[in-house]
């Protein structure tokens, strides 16, 4: 089997592990205000490390699985996670994908974007939605907890041979790259 095949299998196993842990363990968290979105972490990592197409694909799969298991309107998480994968992939083309600063920037901005998009879609589809004050509190807790745990997880993933981002070519660093995802 080729290295690409091994990476596809590794990402598929990572998605299955993350969804299992998210639904089985973190759903019953003893901390009321700590919301860690492990699926979002995988989507952001994939977008940064593998580009927009891979980020969108993994985002769609993770989002669809979350929709099926959460009881939300089918397609909401799939659309939001797909857009997050696209954004992370485009961000990964502009910054060094294995830089801790890029990880922090991507985690923080993508987490905020995730919450805002989910809130907008939920308020348009459900007339009885959460009030803006409660949403802001949940968003702050979710963004901070996801960003902090994400920095640790990204550090581990960046050292694993299956998930490690490829070396960035000199033309991307110089800004003279003409090809895009």
Protein backbone atom coordinates (compact mmCIF):
# COMPACT_ATOMS: atom_id res chain seq x y z
CA UNK A 1 0.00 0.00 0.00
CA UNK A 2 1.15 3.51 -0.72
CA UNK A 3 1.71 6.30 1.77
CA UNK A 4 -1.44 8.07 0.53
CA UNK A 5 -3.52 4.95 1.24
CA UNK A 6 -2.10 4.74 4.74
CA UNK A 7 -2.97 8.39 5.33
CA UNK A 8 -6.57 7.91 4.18
CA UNK A 9 -6.94 4.95 6.54
CA UNK A 10 -5.32 6.91 9.38
CA UNK A 11 -7.68 9.86 8.88
CA UNK A 12 -10.71 7.54 8.68
CA UNK A 13 -9.69 5.87 11.95
CA UNK A 14 -9.10 9.28 13.53
CA UNK A 15 -12.58 10.46 12.52
CA UNK A 16 -14.17 7.29 13.92
CA UNK A 17 -12.22 7.63 17.19
CA UNK A 18 -13.09 11.30 17.55
CA UNK A 19 -16.79 10.81 16.90
CA UNK A 20 -16.90 7.89 19.34
CA UNK A 21 -15.13 9.83 22.09
CA UNK A 22 -17.22 12.94 21.41
CA UNK A 23 -20.56 11.15 21.65
CA UNK A 24 -19.74 8.53 24.29
CA UNK A 25 -17.47 10.32 26.73
CA UNK A 26 -17.47 14.09 26.30
CA UNK A 27 -21.24 14.23 25.99
CA UNK A 28 -21.42 13.36 29.68
CA UNK A 29 -18.75 15.83 30.80
CA UNK A 30 -18.77 16.66 34.51
CA UNK A 31 -17.89 20.25 33.61
CA UNK A 32 -21.04 22.10 32.58
CA UNK A 33 -19.38 24.91 30.59
CA UNK A 34 -16.57 22.99 28.86
CA UNK A 35 -17.53 22.11 25.32
CA UNK A 36 -14.72 20.59 23.30
CA UNK A 37 -15.52 19.90 19.68
CA UNK A 38 -13.13 17.11 18.73
CA UNK A 39 -14.66 16.83 15.26
CA UNK A 40 -13.84 20.47 14.64
CA UNK A 41 -10.23 19.83 15.65
CA UNK A 42 -9.91 17.06 13.06
CA UNK A 43 -11.45 19.25 10.37
CA UNK A 44 -9.13 22.17 11.11
CA UNK A 45 -6.08 19.91 11.24
CA UNK A 46 -6.98 18.25 7.94
CA UNK A 47 -7.52 21.60 6.24
CA UNK A 48 -4.21 22.97 7.50
CA UNK A 49 -2.19 19.85 6.81
CA UNK A 50 -3.77 18.55 3.59
CA UNK A 51 -5.48 21.51 1.95
CA UNK A 52 -8.95 22.77 1.22
CA UNK A 53 -10.27 19.71 -0.64
CA UNK A 54 -9.29 17.31 2.10
CA UNK A 55 -10.52 19.71 4.78
CA UNK A 56 -13.89 20.04 3.05
CA UNK A 57 -14.23 16.27 2.59
CA UNK A 58 -13.39 15.46 6.19
CA UNK A 59 -15.56 18.39 7.33
CA UNK A 60 -18.55 17.06 5.44
CA UNK A 61 -18.10 13.53 6.83
CA UNK A 62 -17.55 14.70 10.41
CA UNK A 63 -20.46 17.15 10.20
CA UNK A 64 -22.81 14.57 8.75
CA UNK A 65 -21.90 12.08 11.48
CA UNK A 66 -22.46 14.78 14.11
CA UNK A 67 -25.85 15.61 12.54
CA UNK A 68 -26.89 11.97 12.61
CA UNK A 69 -25.90 11.56 16.26
CA UNK A 70 -26.96 14.94 17.67
CA UNK A 71 -30.56 15.34 16.65
CA UNK A 72 -29.88 18.67 14.93
CA UNK A 73 -31.34 19.44 11.53
CA UNK A 74 -29.65 17.07 9.10
CA UNK A 75 -27.06 18.96 7.09
CA UNK A 76 -26.42 21.87 9.45
CA UNK A 77 -23.19 20.55 10.96
CA UNK A 78 -22.20 19.05 7.60
CA UNK A 79 -22.43 22.46 5.91
CA UNK A 80 -20.69 24.31 8.73
CA UNK A 81 -17.84 21.78 9.05
CA UNK A 82 -17.39 21.77 5.26
CA UNK A 83 -17.02 25.55 5.28
CA UNK A 84 -14.59 25.34 8.22
CA UNK A 85 -12.52 22.76 6.30
CA UNK A 86 -12.41 25.09 3.30
CA UNK A 87 -11.38 28.05 5.46
CA UNK A 88 -8.67 26.05 7.28
CA UNK A 89 -7.38 24.73 3.95
CA UNK A 90 -7.14 28.23 2.51
CA UNK A 91 -5.49 29.43 5.70
CA UNK A 92 -2.98 26.57 5.47
CA UNK A 93 -1.96 27.80 2.00
CA UNK A 94 -1.19 31.26 3.40
CA UNK A 95 0.70 30.30 6.56
CA UNK A 96 3.09 27.54 7.53
CA UNK A 97 0.81 24.60 8.41
CA UNK A 98 3.16 23.24 11.08
CA UNK A 99 3.69 26.52 12.93
CA UNK A 100 2.29 26.80 16.49
CA UNK A 101 1.22 30.38 15.74
CA UNK A 102 -0.73 29.16 12.69
CA UNK A 103 -2.31 26.45 14.84
CA UNK A 104 -3.41 28.98 17.44
CA UNK A 105 -4.75 31.37 14.79
CA UNK A 106 -6.60 28.60 12.95
CA UNK A 107 -8.07 27.07 16.10
CA UNK A 108 -9.30 30.38 17.46
CA UNK A 109 -10.78 31.78 14.24
CA UNK A 110 -12.28 28.49 13.06
CA UNK A 111 -13.84 27.85 16.48
CA UNK A 112 -15.48 31.27 16.48
CA UNK A 113 -16.62 30.81 12.87
CA UNK A 114 -18.03 27.38 13.75
CA UNK A 115 -20.13 28.73 16.63
CA UNK A 116 -21.36 31.78 14.73
CA UNK A 117 -22.38 29.76 11.66
CA UNK A 118 -24.14 27.14 13.79
CA UNK A 119 -25.99 29.88 15.67
CA UNK A 120 -27.06 31.61 12.46
CA UNK A 121 -28.29 28.37 10.88
CA UNK A 122 -30.09 27.27 14.04
CA UNK A 123 -31.83 30.62 14.51
CA UNK A 124 -33.06 30.57 10.90
CA UNK A 125 -34.35 26.99 11.10
CA UNK A 126 -35.74 27.02 14.65
CA UNK A 127 -37.92 29.85 15.94
CA UNK A 128 -37.22 28.88 19.57
CA UNK A 129 -33.49 29.28 19.65
CA UNK A 130 -31.02 30.12 22.38
CA UNK A 131 -30.81 33.77 23.42
CA UNK A 132 -27.74 35.79 22.38
CA UNK A 133 -26.37 36.17 25.93
CA UNK A 134 -26.40 32.45 26.60
CA UNK A 135 -24.95 31.83 23.17
CA UNK A 136 -22.06 34.24 23.87
CA UNK A 137 -21.23 32.46 27.13
CA UNK A 138 -21.34 29.05 25.47
CA UNK A 139 -19.25 30.31 22.56
CA UNK A 140 -16.54 31.76 24.80
CA UNK A 141 -16.31 28.53 26.81
CA UNK A 142 -16.31 26.40 23.67
CA UNK A 143 -13.75 28.48 21.79
CA UNK A 144 -11.34 28.62 24.71
CA UNK A 145 -11.59 24.93 25.61
CA UNK A 146 -11.35 23.80 21.98
CA UNK A 147 -8.36 26.09 21.33
CA UNK A 148 -6.44 24.98 24.42
CA UNK A 149 -7.01 21.25 23.86
CA UNK A 150 -6.44 21.75 20.13
CA UNK A 151 -2.95 23.13 20.70
CA UNK A 152 -2.05 19.96 22.62
CA UNK A 153 -3.63 17.64 20.05
CA UNK A 154 -2.05 19.50 17.11
CA UNK A 155 1.36 19.14 18.77
CA UNK A 156 0.84 15.36 18.95
CA UNK A 157 -0.49 15.11 15.39
CA UNK A 158 2.37 17.17 13.96
CA UNK A 159 4.82 14.55 15.27
CA UNK A 160 2.93 11.54 13.87
CA UNK A 161 4.12 10.34 10.49
CA UNK A 162 0.59 9.79 9.13
CA UNK A 163 -0.73 13.21 10.10
CA UNK A 164 2.40 15.34 9.78
CA UNK A 165 1.97 18.15 7.24
CA UNK A 166 4.19 17.85 4.18
CA UNK A 167 7.18 20.13 3.98
CA UNK A 168 6.22 23.51 2.65
CA UNK A 169 7.83 24.17 -0.75
CA UNK A 170 10.01 27.26 -1.07
CA UNK A 171 7.66 28.80 -3.66
CA UNK A 172 4.80 28.79 -1.14
CA UNK A 173 7.02 30.51 1.45
CA UNK A 174 8.10 33.09 -1.14
CA UNK A 175 4.50 33.62 -2.22
CA UNK A 176 5.14 32.73 -5.84
CA UNK A 177 2.96 29.61 -5.89
CA UNK A 178 0.53 29.68 -8.81
CA UNK A 179 -1.41 26.47 -8.12
CA UNK A 180 -4.29 26.47 -5.67
CA UNK A 181 -6.55 23.82 -4.16
